[in-house]
Amino acid sequence: MANAVLNAEKRETLGKGLSKLRQNDLLPAVIYGKGEAATAVQFPLHATSLVLNRTAANAVYDIELDGATVQATVQEIQRDMIRGDILHVDFLKS
């Protein structure tokens, strides 16, 4: 079975600027792995939400970032407590 593909871009916005990122229909996320520095990324909100909501919790994703493909699983999804919208995703490299 093929892995779901997500297209990511590196992001410069950190901290309190993430709400503006979400207003522009972008989903902030981080990709990290053992012994490697974390990479702050952003995804298109709608397309990524559809993929995350329709796949299993332990699915492996192919994340395309800067011309390279990284395989990762979801470590944590942060959601809005009232609306249930995805606010932030942590990916762990496989």
N, C-alpha and C. Protein backbone atom coordinates (compact mmCIF):
# COMPACT_ATOMS: atom_id res chain seq x y z
N MET A 1 0.84 -1.18 0.00
CA MET A 1 0.00 0.00 0.00
C MET A 1 0.89 1.24 0.00
N ALA A 2 0.57 2.19 -0.83
CA ALA A 2 1.36 3.41 -0.95
C ALA A 2 1.09 4.34 0.24
N ASN A 3 2.12 5.05 0.64
CA ASN A 3 2.00 6.02 1.73
C ASN A 3 1.31 7.27 1.23
N ALA A 4 0.57 7.94 2.11
CA ALA A 4 -0.04 9.22 1.77
C ALA A 4 1.06 10.26 1.60
N VAL A 5 0.90 11.13 0.62
CA VAL A 5 1.91 12.15 0.32
C VAL A 5 1.42 13.51 0.80
N LEU A 6 2.27 14.21 1.54
CA LEU A 6 1.99 15.57 2.00
C LEU A 6 3.07 16.50 1.49
N ASN A 7 2.68 17.65 0.96
CA ASN A 7 3.64 18.64 0.46
C ASN A 7 3.85 19.71 1.53
N ALA A 8 5.10 19.90 1.92
CA ALA A 8 5.43 20.85 2.99
C ALA A 8 6.38 21.92 2.48
N GLU A 9 6.38 23.04 3.19
CA GLU A 9 7.35 24.12 2.95
C GLU A 9 7.96 24.46 4.30
N LYS A 10 9.23 24.84 4.31
CA LYS A 10 9.84 25.30 5.56
C LYS A 10 9.18 26.61 5.95
N ARG A 11 9.08 26.84 7.26
CA ARG A 11 8.46 28.09 7.72
C ARG A 11 9.42 28.85 8.61
N GLU A 12 9.31 30.15 8.53
CA GLU A 12 10.13 31.04 9.35
C GLU A 12 9.34 31.54 10.56
N THR A 13 8.01 31.52 10.47
CA THR A 13 7.16 32.03 11.54
C THR A 13 7.16 31.07 12.71
N LEU A 14 7.50 31.57 13.88
CA LEU A 14 7.51 30.76 15.09
C LEU A 14 6.77 31.49 16.19
N GLY A 15 6.32 30.77 17.20
CA GLY A 15 5.70 31.38 18.38
C GLY A 15 4.35 31.99 18.12
N LYS A 16 4.20 33.25 18.51
CA LYS A 16 2.90 33.91 18.47
C LYS A 16 2.41 34.24 17.07
N GLY A 17 3.26 34.13 16.08
CA GLY A 17 2.85 34.43 14.71
C GLY A 17 2.09 33.30 14.04
N LEU A 18 1.89 32.19 14.73
CA LEU A 18 1.24 31.04 14.12
C LEU A 18 -0.24 31.26 13.86
N SER A 19 -0.90 32.13 14.62
CA SER A 19 -2.32 32.39 14.37
C SER A 19 -2.52 33.05 13.00
N LYS A 20 -1.61 33.92 12.60
CA LYS A 20 -1.70 34.53 11.27
C LYS A 20 -1.46 33.48 10.19
N LEU A 21 -0.59 32.55 10.47
CA LEU A 21 -0.34 31.45 9.54
C LEU A 21 -1.61 30.65 9.32
N ARG A 22 -2.32 30.34 10.40
CA ARG A 22 -3.58 29.59 10.29
C ARG A 22 -4.66 30.40 9.57
N GLN A 23 -4.68 31.72 9.76
CA GLN A 23 -5.65 32.56 9.06
C GLN A 23 -5.42 32.54 7.56
N ASN A 24 -4.19 32.26 7.14
CA ASN A 24 -3.85 32.15 5.72
C ASN A 24 -3.98 30.72 5.20
N ASP A 25 -4.76 29.89 5.93
CA ASP A 25 -5.04 28.50 5.55
C ASP A 25 -3.78 27.65 5.45
N LEU A 26 -2.86 27.84 6.39
CA LEU A 26 -1.67 27.02 6.48
C LEU A 26 -1.63 26.34 7.84
N LEU A 27 -1.18 25.11 7.86
CA LEU A 27 -1.11 24.32 9.09
C LEU A 27 0.34 24.22 9.55
N PRO A 28 0.67 24.77 10.72
CA PRO A 28 2.04 24.66 11.22
C PRO A 28 2.31 23.24 11.72
N ALA A 29 3.54 22.80 11.53
CA ALA A 29 3.94 21.46 11.97
C ALA A 29 5.44 21.46 12.23
N VAL A 30 5.90 20.36 12.82
CA VAL A 30 7.33 20.18 13.05
C VAL A 30 7.67 18.73 12.72
N ILE A 31 8.85 18.54 12.13
CA ILE A 31 9.34 17.21 11.81
C ILE A 31 10.64 17.03 12.59
N TYR A 32 10.72 15.96 13.36
CA TYR A 32 11.93 15.71 14.12
C TYR A 32 12.25 14.23 14.14
N GLY A 33 13.48 13.93 14.49
CA GLY A 33 13.93 12.55 14.58
C GLY A 33 15.04 12.46 15.60
N LYS A 34 15.36 11.25 15.98
CA LYS A 34 16.38 11.03 17.00
C LYS A 34 17.73 11.52 16.51
N GLY A 35 18.35 12.39 17.29
CA GLY A 35 19.67 12.90 16.96
C GLY A 35 19.69 13.96 15.88
N GLU A 36 18.53 14.44 15.45
CA GLU A 36 18.45 15.46 14.40
C GLU A 36 17.73 16.69 14.93
N ALA A 37 18.05 17.82 14.36
CA ALA A 37 17.37 19.06 14.73
C ALA A 37 15.95 19.05 14.18
N ALA A 38 15.04 19.66 14.92
CA ALA A 38 13.65 19.76 14.47
C ALA A 38 13.55 20.76 13.33
N THR A 39 12.65 20.46 12.39
CA THR A 39 12.42 21.33 11.24
C THR A 39 11.00 21.87 11.30
N ALA A 40 10.84 23.19 11.36
CA ALA A 40 9.52 23.81 11.36
C ALA A 40 9.02 23.89 9.93
N VAL A 41 7.82 23.37 9.68
CA VAL A 41 7.25 23.34 8.34
C VAL A 41 5.81 23.82 8.38
N GLN A 42 5.25 24.02 7.20
CA GLN A 42 3.84 24.37 7.07
C GLN A 42 3.24 23.58 5.91
N PHE A 43 1.96 23.26 6.06
CA PHE A 43 1.22 22.49 5.05
C PHE A 43 -0.02 23.28 4.65
N PRO A 44 -0.55 23.03 3.45
CA PRO A 44 -1.86 23.57 3.11
C PRO A 44 -2.90 22.97 4.05
N LEU A 45 -3.66 23.80 4.73
CA LEU A 45 -4.55 23.34 5.80
C LEU A 45 -5.61 22.34 5.33
N HIS A 46 -6.37 22.68 4.31
CA HIS A 46 -7.50 21.85 3.91
C HIS A 46 -7.06 20.47 3.43
N ALA A 47 -6.11 20.44 2.51
CA ALA A 47 -5.65 19.17 1.95
C ALA A 47 -5.02 18.28 3.02
N THR A 48 -4.25 18.86 3.90
CA THR A 48 -3.58 18.09 4.95
C THR A 48 -4.59 17.57 5.97
N SER A 49 -5.57 18.39 6.32
CA SER A 49 -6.60 17.95 7.27
C SER A 49 -7.37 16.76 6.71
N LEU A 50 -7.70 16.81 5.43
CA LEU A 50 -8.42 15.69 4.81
C LEU A 50 -7.60 14.40 4.89
N VAL A 51 -6.32 14.49 4.58
CA VAL A 51 -5.46 13.30 4.60
C VAL A 51 -5.32 12.77 6.03
N LEU A 52 -5.07 13.65 6.99
CA LEU A 52 -4.88 13.21 8.37
C LEU A 52 -6.15 12.61 8.97
N ASN A 53 -7.30 13.14 8.60
CA ASN A 53 -8.56 12.64 9.14
C ASN A 53 -8.98 11.32 8.51
N ARG A 54 -8.47 11.00 7.33
CA ARG A 54 -8.89 9.80 6.61
C ARG A 54 -7.90 8.64 6.70
N THR A 55 -6.78 8.84 7.36
CA THR A 55 -5.79 7.78 7.46
C THR A 55 -5.71 7.28 8.91
N ALA A 56 -5.13 6.11 9.07
CA ALA A 56 -4.99 5.52 10.41
C ALA A 56 -4.01 6.31 11.25
N ALA A 57 -4.12 6.16 12.56
CA ALA A 57 -3.26 6.90 13.49
C ALA A 57 -1.79 6.53 13.35
N ASN A 58 -1.50 5.31 12.91
CA ASN A 58 -0.11 4.87 12.80
C ASN A 58 0.38 4.85 11.35
N ALA A 59 -0.28 5.59 10.48
CA ALA A 59 0.10 5.61 9.07
C ALA A 59 1.46 6.28 8.87
N VAL A 60 2.15 5.84 7.83
CA VAL A 60 3.43 6.46 7.45
C VAL A 60 3.15 7.42 6.30
N TYR A 61 3.66 8.62 6.39
CA TYR A 61 3.44 9.65 5.38
C TYR A 61 4.74 9.94 4.65
N ASP A 62 4.65 10.20 3.36
CA ASP A 62 5.78 10.69 2.58
C ASP A 62 5.64 12.21 2.53
N ILE A 63 6.53 12.91 3.19
CA ILE A 63 6.48 14.37 3.24
C ILE A 63 7.51 14.91 2.27
N GLU A 64 7.04 15.64 1.26
CA GLU A 64 7.93 16.23 0.26
C GLU A 64 8.33 17.62 0.74
N LEU A 65 9.64 17.78 0.97
CA LEU A 65 10.16 19.03 1.52
C LEU A 65 11.46 19.38 0.82
N ASP A 66 11.49 20.52 0.16
CA ASP A 66 12.69 21.01 -0.55
C ASP A 66 13.25 19.98 -1.53
N GLY A 67 12.39 19.33 -2.27
CA GLY A 67 12.83 18.38 -3.28
C GLY A 67 13.20 17.01 -2.76
N ALA A 68 13.16 16.83 -1.45
CA ALA A 68 13.47 15.53 -0.85
C ALA A 68 12.21 14.96 -0.23
N THR A 69 12.17 13.65 -0.09
CA THR A 69 11.03 12.99 0.53
C THR A 69 11.46 12.41 1.87
N VAL A 70 10.69 12.74 2.90
CA VAL A 70 10.95 12.26 4.25
C VAL A 70 9.79 11.38 4.67
N GLN A 71 10.07 10.20 5.20
CA GLN A 71 9.01 9.35 5.72
C GLN A 71 8.85 9.62 7.20
N ALA A 72 7.59 9.81 7.64
CA ALA A 72 7.34 10.14 9.04
C ALA A 72 5.97 9.64 9.45
N THR A 73 5.80 9.49 10.76
CA THR A 73 4.51 9.15 11.34
C THR A 73 4.07 10.31 12.23
N VAL A 74 2.78 10.38 12.49
CA VAL A 74 2.27 11.43 13.36
C VAL A 74 2.56 11.07 14.81
N GLN A 75 3.23 11.96 15.50
CA GLN A 75 3.51 11.78 16.92
C GLN A 75 2.40 12.39 17.76
N GLU A 76 1.93 13.59 17.36
CA GLU A 76 0.87 14.27 18.10
C GLU A 76 0.13 15.23 17.19
N ILE A 77 -1.18 15.31 17.38
CA ILE A 77 -2.02 16.29 16.70
C ILE A 77 -2.67 17.15 17.76
N GLN A 78 -2.46 18.47 17.68
CA GLN A 78 -3.10 19.39 18.61
C GLN A 78 -4.36 19.93 17.94
N ARG A 79 -5.47 19.86 18.65
CA ARG A 79 -6.76 20.29 18.10
C ARG A 79 -7.37 21.39 18.95
N ASP A 80 -8.20 22.21 18.30
CA ASP A 80 -9.00 23.20 19.00
C ASP A 80 -10.01 22.46 19.88
N MET A 81 -10.13 22.83 21.14
CA MET A 81 -10.99 22.08 22.07
C MET A 81 -12.47 22.21 21.74
N ILE A 82 -12.88 23.32 21.17
CA ILE A 82 -14.30 23.54 20.88
C ILE A 82 -14.66 23.03 19.49
N ARG A 83 -13.95 23.49 18.48
CA ARG A 83 -14.31 23.17 17.10
C ARG A 83 -13.68 21.89 16.58
N GLY A 84 -12.62 21.42 17.20
CA GLY A 84 -11.97 20.19 16.75
C GLY A 84 -11.03 20.38 15.58
N ASP A 85 -10.77 21.62 15.19
CA ASP A 85 -9.86 21.89 14.07
C ASP A 85 -8.43 21.53 14.45
N ILE A 86 -7.66 21.09 13.48
CA ILE A 86 -6.25 20.77 13.72
C ILE A 86 -5.46 22.09 13.83
N LEU A 87 -4.71 22.25 14.90
CA LEU A 87 -3.92 23.46 15.12
C LEU A 87 -2.44 23.26 14.82
N HIS A 88 -1.92 22.06 15.11
CA HIS A 88 -0.49 21.81 14.96
C HIS A 88 -0.26 20.31 14.91
N VAL A 89 0.74 19.88 14.15
CA VAL A 89 1.05 18.45 14.04
C VAL A 89 2.55 18.25 14.27
N ASP A 90 2.88 17.22 15.04
CA ASP A 90 4.26 16.79 15.24
C ASP A 90 4.47 15.49 14.48
N PHE A 91 5.47 15.47 13.61
CA PHE A 91 5.82 14.26 12.85
C PHE A 91 7.14 13.72 13.36
N LEU A 92 7.24 12.41 13.47
CA LEU A 92 8.46 11.73 13.87
C LEU A 92 9.00 10.97 12.67
N LYS A 93 10.25 11.25 12.29
CA LYS A 93 10.84 10.58 11.14
C LYS A 93 10.92 9.08 11.39
N SER A 94 10.64 8.32 10.36
CA SER A 94 10.69 6.85 10.46
C SER A 94 12.10 6.34 10.23
